[in-house]
C-alpha atoms as a PDB file:
ATOM      1  CA  MET A   1     107.769  66.400  98.736  1.00  0.00           C
ATOM      2  CA  LYS A   2     108.450  64.310  95.637  1.00  0.00           C
ATOM      3  CA  LYS A   3     104.851  64.804  94.511  1.00  0.00           C
ATOM      4  CA  ILE A   4     105.193  68.576  94.844  1.00  0.00           C
ATOM      5  CA  ILE A   5     108.412  68.587  92.793  1.00  0.00           C
ATOM      6  CA  LEU A   6     106.822  66.330  90.162  1.00  0.00           C
ATOM      7  CA  MET A   7     103.737  68.534  89.905  1.00  0.00           C
ATOM      8  CA  THR A   8     105.896  71.657  89.619  1.00  0.00           C
ATOM      9  CA  MET A   9     107.955  70.137  86.805  1.00  0.00           C
ATOM     10  CA  LEU A  10     104.781  69.031  85.019  1.00  0.00           C
ATOM     11  CA  PHE A  11     103.314  72.540  85.331  1.00  0.00           C
ATOM     12  CA  ILE A  12     106.489  74.153  83.944  1.00  0.00           C
ATOM     13  CA  THR A  13     106.546  71.696  81.062  1.00  0.00           C
ATOM     14  CA  THR A  14     102.890  72.405  80.274  1.00  0.00           C
ATOM     15  CA  ILE A  15     103.256  76.187  80.130  1.00  0.00           C
ATOM     16  CA  SER A  16     106.628  76.194  78.400  1.00  0.00           C
ATOM     17  CA  GLY A  17     104.988  75.613  75.027  1.00  0.00           C
ATOM     18  CA  SER A  18     102.921  78.774  75.502  1.00  0.00           C
ATOM     19  CA  LEU A  19     105.941  80.824  76.581  1.00  0.00           C
ATOM     20  CA  MET A  20     108.182  79.835  73.682  1.00  0.00           C
ATOM     21  CA  ALA A  21     108.255  81.882  70.499  1.00  0.00           C
ATOM     22  CA  LYS A  22     106.352  80.296  67.632  1.00  0.00           C
ATOM     23  CA  SER A  23     107.026  80.077  63.915  1.00  0.00           C
ATOM     24  CA  GLY A  24     105.106  78.994  60.835  1.00  0.00           C
ATOM     25  CA  TRP A  25     101.415  78.988  60.023  1.00  0.00           C
ATOM     26  CA  GLY A  26      98.604  79.087  62.557  1.00  0.00           C
ATOM     27  CA  VAL A  27      94.981  80.082  63.061  1.00  0.00           C
ATOM     28  CA  ASP A  28      93.390  82.050  65.914  1.00  0.00           C
ATOM     29  CA  LEU A  29      89.703  82.102  66.812  1.00  0.00           C
ATOM     30  CA  THR A  30      88.806  85.321  68.658  1.00  0.00           C
ATOM     31  CA  VAL A  31      85.577  86.669  70.177  1.00  0.00           C
ATOM     32  CA  PRO A  32      85.689  90.393  71.069  1.00  0.00           C
ATOM     33  CA  LEU A  33      83.119  91.688  73.563  1.00  0.00           C
ATOM     34  CA  GLY A  34      82.972  95.353  74.451  1.00  0.00           C
ATOM     35  CA  ALA A  35      81.397  98.777  74.476  1.00  0.00           C
ATOM     36  CA  GLY A  36      81.008 100.972  71.418  1.00  0.00           C
ATOM     37  CA  ILE A  37      80.807 104.749  71.857  1.00  0.00           C
ATOM     38  CA  GLY A  38      79.163 106.358  68.832  1.00  0.00           C
ATOM     39  CA  PHE A  39      79.706 109.928  67.724  1.00  0.00           C
ATOM     40  CA  TYR A  40      77.865 111.927  65.074  1.00  0.00           C
ATOM     41  CA  LEU A  41      79.187 114.698  62.854  1.00  0.00           C
ATOM     42  CA  GLU A  42      77.239 117.447  61.113  1.00  0.00           C
ATOM     43  CA  GLU A  43      79.077 118.924  58.127  1.00  0.00           C
ATOM     44  CA  GLY A  44      82.287 117.316  59.441  1.00  0.00           C
ATOM     45  CA  LYS A  45      82.007 118.729  62.972  1.00  0.00           C
ATOM     46  CA  GLN A  46      80.790 117.145  66.190  1.00  0.00           C
ATOM     47  CA  SER A  47      77.031 117.588  66.393  1.00  0.00           C
ATOM     48  CA  GLU A  48      75.848 119.988  69.086  1.00  0.00           C
ATOM     49  CA  THR A  49      72.473 118.270  69.395  1.00  0.00           C
ATOM     50  CA  ILE A  50      73.346 114.558  68.917  1.00  0.00           C
ATOM     51  CA  LYS A  51      75.607 113.429  71.777  1.00  0.00           C
ATOM     52  CA  PRO A  52      77.728 110.256  72.035  1.00  0.00           C
ATOM     53  CA  ASP A  53      76.318 107.256  73.879  1.00  0.00           C
ATOM     54  CA  GLY A  54      77.475 103.699  74.587  1.00  0.00           C
ATOM     55  CA  ALA A  55      76.206 100.252  73.579  1.00  0.00           C
ATOM     56  CA  PHE A  56      77.271  96.594  73.687  1.00  0.00           C
ATOM     57  CA  GLU A  57      79.096  95.156  70.652  1.00  0.00           C
ATOM     58  CA  PHE A  58      80.549  91.773  69.728  1.00  0.00           C
ATOM     59  CA  GLY A  59      82.154  89.818  66.926  1.00  0.00           C
ATOM     60  CA  VAL A  60      83.654  86.479  65.870  1.00  0.00           C
ATOM     61  CA  TYR A  61      86.953  86.373  63.970  1.00  0.00           C
ATOM     62  CA  LEU A  62      88.988  83.661  62.283  1.00  0.00           C
ATOM     63  CA  LYS A  63      92.604  84.818  61.934  1.00  0.00           C
ATOM     64  CA  PRO A  64      95.026  82.882  59.717  1.00  0.00           C
ATOM     65  CA  ASN A  65      98.563  84.009  60.562  1.00  0.00           C
ATOM     66  CA  TYR A  66     102.238  83.392  59.933  1.00  0.00           C
ATOM     67  CA  TYR A  67     105.021  83.914  62.486  1.00  0.00           C
ATOM     68  CA  PHE A  68     108.794  84.316  62.195  1.00  0.00           C
ATOM     69  CA  ASP A  69     110.708  82.913  65.175  1.00  0.00           C
ATOM     70  CA  LEU A  70     113.313  85.299  66.624  1.00  0.00           C
ATOM     71  CA  SER A  71     114.397  83.438  69.767  1.00  0.00           C
ATOM     72  CA  ILE A  72     112.385  84.851  72.726  1.00  0.00           C
ATOM     73  CA  LEU A  73     109.969  86.703  70.450  1.00  0.00           C
ATOM     74  CA  SER A  74     108.064  86.148  67.222  1.00  0.00           C
ATOM     75  CA  LEU A  75     107.010  88.575  64.514  1.00  0.00           C
ATOM     76  CA  GLY A  76     103.756  87.748  62.768  1.00  0.00           C
ATOM     77  CA  ILE A  77     101.122  88.964  60.362  1.00  0.00           C
ATOM     78  CA  SER A  78      97.458  88.073  60.802  1.00  0.00           C
ATOM     79  CA  LEU A  79      94.599  88.207  58.311  1.00  0.00           C
ATOM     80  CA  ASP A  80      91.489  89.197  60.280  1.00  0.00           C
ATOM     81  CA  LEU A  81      88.303  87.724  58.794  1.00  0.00           C
ATOM     82  CA  GLY A  82      85.044  87.793  60.669  1.00  0.00           C
ATOM     83  CA  TYR A  83      81.611  88.992  61.611  1.00  0.00           C
ATOM     84  CA  GLN A  84      81.200  92.213  63.579  1.00  0.00           C
ATOM     85  CA  ARG A  85      78.129  93.844  65.094  1.00  0.00           C
ATOM     86  CA  ASP A  86      78.691  97.601  65.436  1.00  0.00           C
ATOM     87  CA  VAL A  87      76.286  99.814  67.366  1.00  0.00           C
ATOM     88  CA  PHE A  88      76.526 103.596  66.957  1.00  0.00           C
ATOM     89  CA  ALA A  89      74.482 104.892  69.891  1.00  0.00           C
ATOM     90  CA  TYR A  90      73.398 108.480  70.452  1.00  0.00           C
ATOM     91  CA  LYS A  91      71.269 110.624  72.712  1.00  0.00           C
ATOM     92  CA  SER A  92      69.726 114.080  72.470  1.00  0.00           C
ATOM     93  CA  ASP A  93      67.382 116.272  74.460  1.00  0.00           C
ATOM     94  CA  LEU A  94      64.406 114.670  72.700  1.00  0.00           C
ATOM     95  CA  SER A  95      65.364 111.044  72.185  1.00  0.00           C
ATOM     96  CA  LYS A  96      67.846 108.212  72.566  1.00  0.00           C
ATOM     97  CA  GLY A  97      68.706 105.614  69.954  1.00  0.00           C
ATOM     98  CA  SER A  98      71.242 103.783  67.840  1.00  0.00           C
ATOM     99  CA  VAL A  99      72.156 102.536  64.380  1.00  0.00           C
ATOM    100  CA  THR A 100      73.321  98.899  64.228  1.00  0.00           C
ATOM    101  CA  PHE A 101      75.242  97.115  61.457  1.00  0.00           C
ATOM    102  CA  ASP A 102      76.042  93.445  60.901  1.00  0.00           C
ATOM    103  CA  SER A 103      79.243  93.512  58.887  1.00  0.00           C
ATOM    104  CA  LEU A 104      81.836  91.382  57.154  1.00  0.00           C
ATOM    105  CA  SER A 105      85.203  92.530  58.497  1.00  0.00           C
ATOM    106  CA  ILE A 106      88.500  92.144  56.606  1.00  0.00           C
ATOM    107  CA  GLY A 107      91.827  93.447  57.912  1.00  0.00           C
ATOM    108  CA  LEU A 108      95.539  92.903  58.526  1.00  0.00           C
ATOM    109  CA  MET A 109      97.273  93.014  61.907  1.00  0.00           C
ATOM    110  CA  PRO A 110     101.051  92.739  62.400  1.00  0.00           C
ATOM    111  CA  LYS A 111     101.885  91.190  65.788  1.00  0.00           C
ATOM    112  CA  ILE A 112     104.780  90.788  68.185  1.00  0.00           C
ATOM    113  CA  ASP A 113     104.742  87.837  70.608  1.00  0.00           C
ATOM    114  CA  ILE A 114     107.037  88.240  73.618  1.00  0.00           C
ATOM    115  CA  LEU A 115     106.979  85.282  75.993  1.00  0.00           C
ATOM    116  CA  PHE A 116     103.308  85.048  77.085  1.00  0.00           C
ATOM    117  CA  MET A 117     102.152  88.411  75.643  1.00  0.00           C
ATOM    118  CA  SER A 118     101.006  89.221  72.092  1.00  0.00           C
ATOM    119  CA  ILE A 119     100.802  92.848  70.910  1.00  0.00           C
ATOM    120  CA  GLY A 120      99.077  93.776  67.649  1.00  0.00           C
ATOM    121  CA  VAL A 121      98.255  96.951  65.731  1.00  0.00           C
ATOM    122  CA  GLY A 122      96.346  96.791  62.462  1.00  0.00           C
ATOM    123  CA  ALA A 123      93.691  98.173  60.164  1.00  0.00           C
ATOM    124  CA  GLY A 124      90.895  97.010  57.934  1.00  0.00           C
ATOM    125  CA  VAL A 125      87.454  97.644  56.510  1.00  0.00           C
ATOM    126  CA  LYS A 126      84.002  96.500  57.624  1.00  0.00           C
ATOM    127  CA  PHE A 127      81.300  96.037  54.977  1.00  0.00           C
ATOM    128  CA  PRO A 128      77.735  96.267  56.383  1.00  0.00           C
ATOM    129  CA  LEU A 129      75.413  93.594  54.976  1.00  0.00           C
ATOM    130  CA  GLY A 130      72.358  94.435  57.074  1.00  0.00           C
ATOM    131  CA  GLY A 131      71.337  96.453  60.061  1.00  0.00           C
ATOM    132  CA  SER A 132      68.709  98.362  61.970  1.00  0.00           C
ATOM    133  CA  SER A 133      67.960 101.685  63.593  1.00  0.00           C
ATOM    134  CA  ARG A 134      65.891 102.452  66.641  1.00  0.00           C
ATOM    135  CA  SER A 135      64.817 105.552  68.471  1.00  0.00           C
ATOM    136  CA  LYS A 136      63.009 106.070  71.762  1.00  0.00           C
ATOM    137  CA  GLU A 137      61.440 109.466  72.320  1.00  0.00           C
ATOM    138  CA  ASN A 138      61.170 111.100  75.717  1.00  0.00           C
ATOM    139  CA  ASN A 139      57.382 110.894  75.439  1.00  0.00           C
ATOM    140  CA  GLY A 140      57.587 107.092  75.297  1.00  0.00           C
ATOM    141  CA  SER A 141      57.213 106.599  71.542  1.00  0.00           C
ATOM    142  CA  GLU A 142      59.583 104.041  70.081  1.00  0.00           C
ATOM    143  CA  TYR A 143      60.561 103.355  66.462  1.00  0.00           C
ATOM    144  CA  MET A 144      62.609 100.575  64.892  1.00  0.00           C
ATOM    145  CA  PHE A 145      63.548  99.840  61.273  1.00  0.00           C
ATOM    146  CA  GLN A 146      65.340  96.855  59.747  1.00  0.00           C
ATOM    147  CA  TYR A 147      67.651  97.198  56.726  1.00  0.00           C
ATOM    148  CA  ASN A 148      68.809  94.644  54.204  1.00  0.00           C
ATOM    149  CA  LEU A 149      71.790  95.352  51.960  1.00  0.00           C
ATOM    150  CA  LYS A 150      69.719  97.043  49.259  1.00  0.00           C
ATOM    151  CA  GLU A 151      68.025  99.290  51.796  1.00  0.00           C
ATOM    152  CA  LEU A 152      71.379 100.204  53.313  1.00  0.00           C
ATOM    153  CA  GLN A 153      72.618 101.207  49.857  1.00  0.00           C
ATOM    154  CA  ASN A 154      69.573 103.451  49.469  1.00  0.00           C
ATOM    155  CA  GLN A 155      69.990 104.947  52.929  1.00  0.00           C
ATOM    156  CA  PHE A 156      73.745 105.683  53.132  1.00  0.00           C
ATOM    157  CA  TYR A 157      76.688 106.978  51.137  1.00  0.00           C
ATOM    158  CA  ASN A 158      80.072 105.207  51.556  1.00  0.00           C
ATOM    159  CA  LEU A 159      78.755 101.856  52.715  1.00  0.00           C
ATOM    160  CA  TYR A 160      81.980 100.737  54.412  1.00  0.00           C
ATOM    161  CA  ILE A 161      83.667 101.402  57.755  1.00  0.00           C
ATOM    162  CA  PRO A 162      87.491 101.716  57.802  1.00  0.00           C
ATOM    163  CA  TYR A 163      88.989 101.016  61.208  1.00  0.00           C
ATOM    164  CA  LEU A 164      92.203 100.969  63.242  1.00  0.00           C
ATOM    165  CA  ARG A 165      92.644  98.387  66.009  1.00  0.00           C
ATOM    166  CA  ALA A 166      95.206  97.707  68.726  1.00  0.00           C
ATOM    167  CA  SER A 167      95.163  94.707  71.046  1.00  0.00           C
ATOM    168  CA  ILE A 168      97.128  93.009  73.800  1.00  0.00           C
ATOM    169  CA  ASP A 169      96.539  89.307  74.425  1.00  0.00           C
ATOM    170  CA  PHE A 170      97.959  87.075  77.140  1.00  0.00           C
ATOM    171  CA  LEU A 171      98.708  83.450  76.308  1.00  0.00           C
ATOM    172  CA  LEU A 172      97.216  81.045  78.844  1.00  0.00           C
ATOM    173  CA  LEU A 173      97.324  77.298  79.289  1.00  0.00           C
ATOM    174  CA  TYR A 174      96.198  75.015  76.470  1.00  0.00           C
ATOM    175  CA  ASN A 175      96.574  77.807  73.857  1.00  0.00           C
ATOM    176  CA  PHE A 176      93.716  79.930  75.217  1.00  0.00           C
ATOM    177  CA  THR A 177      94.115  83.706  75.141  1.00  0.00           C
ATOM    178  CA  LEU A 178      92.621  86.576  77.115  1.00  0.00           C
ATOM    179  CA  GLY A 179      93.108  90.184  76.091  1.00  0.00           C
ATOM    180  CA  VAL A 180      91.904  93.739  75.638  1.00  0.00           C
ATOM    181  CA  TYR A 181      91.443  95.864  72.540  1.00  0.00           C
ATOM    182  CA  VAL A 182      90.654  99.387  71.386  1.00  0.00           C
ATOM    183  CA  SER A 183      89.311 100.185  67.919  1.00  0.00           C
ATOM    184  CA  TYR A 184      88.469 103.398  66.069  1.00  0.00           C
ATOM    185  CA  ASP A 185      85.838 103.495  63.301  1.00  0.00           C
ATOM    186  CA  PHE A 186      86.360 106.346  60.830  1.00  0.00           C
ATOM    187  CA  PRO A 187      83.232 108.465  60.231  1.00  0.00           C
ATOM    188  CA  LEU A 188      82.879 108.011  56.462  1.00  0.00           C
ATOM    189  CA  MET A 189      79.342 106.585  56.271  1.00  0.00           C
ATOM    190  CA  GLU A 190      76.872 109.376  55.621  1.00  0.00           C
ATOM    191  CA  TYR A 191      73.101 109.620  55.544  1.00  0.00           C
ATOM    192  CA  LYS A 192      71.568 110.368  52.160  1.00  0.00           C
ATOM    193  CA  ASP A 193      68.977 113.148  51.911  1.00  0.00           C
ATOM    194  CA  SER A 194      70.137 114.674  55.206  1.00  0.00           C
ATOM    195  CA  ILE A 195      70.510 118.422  55.748  1.00  0.00           C
ATOM    196  CA  PRO A 196      72.949 119.155  57.305  1.00  0.00           C
ATOM    197  CA  LYS A 197      75.118 116.221  56.196  1.00  0.00           C
ATOM    198  CA  VAL A 198      75.328 113.675  59.023  1.00  0.00           C
ATOM    199  CA  SER A 199      78.113 111.067  59.296  1.00  0.00           C
ATOM    200  CA  PHE A 200      79.077 108.832  62.202  1.00  0.00           C
ATOM    201  CA  GLY A 201      81.976 106.867  63.644  1.00  0.00           C
ATOM    202  CA  GLY A 202      82.859 105.136  66.872  1.00  0.00           C
ATOM    203  CA  LEU A 203      85.393 104.207  69.523  1.00  0.00           C
ATOM    204  CA  ASP A 204      85.265 100.592  70.723  1.00  0.00           C
ATOM    205  CA  ILE A 205      86.865  99.312  73.941  1.00  0.00           C
ATOM    206  CA  GLY A 206      86.584  95.825  75.361  1.00  0.00           C
ATOM    207  CA  GLY A 207      87.986  92.417  76.112  1.00  0.00           C
ATOM    208  CA  GLN A 208      88.447  89.372  73.910  1.00  0.00           C
ATOM    209  CA  LEU A 209      88.638  85.624  74.372  1.00  0.00           C
ATOM    210  CA  GLY A 210      90.426  83.344  71.977  1.00  0.00           C
ATOM    211  CA  VAL A 211      92.146  80.075  71.219  1.00  0.00           C
ATOM    212  CA  ARG A 212      95.179  79.355  69.034  1.00  0.00           C
ATOM    213  CA  PHE A 213      95.488  76.377  66.727  1.00  0.00           C
END
């Protein structure tokens, strides 16, 4: 009986640090893993021939932050710096394919920590540094092209991807976190030399793992 009481007290003591509001500087390391749903616009309207499709995406973010302690909750602001792989997938009656970007992501996310839950809503911009495109025709033909930064600049107008992101993370033992997120990529990037004008954006949904320092 004494051992059970001792173990219970030890468990409560261990998790209490995670449940208490925090203050001051900190750093989070976060790895989002999810599905990206691409959509393509022709002259600003949803394409009737290029349909949305899904693909796997991931990233790695280092998030310096500062929190203000308000008793049972904390208010914070996080600077989101990281690498993001975005995949804008599509399908049509003739083919299926995607455009992929490896980007430097920079953003800000205000957060509210309440007990063991952290809620954040923020925005930022992703700057593609390289990428690729692939297409698989219904007849079996397959094409793939790689792009460096210079080639991306020659291929697209507006070589940046503004985004909005919302997330909910749950604080676990030993400062680990587990959460979900949803992100919207604004369709500002546009193909050069394309008639009609084609731009694309995306909706990303997934989970994320992290650790707080």
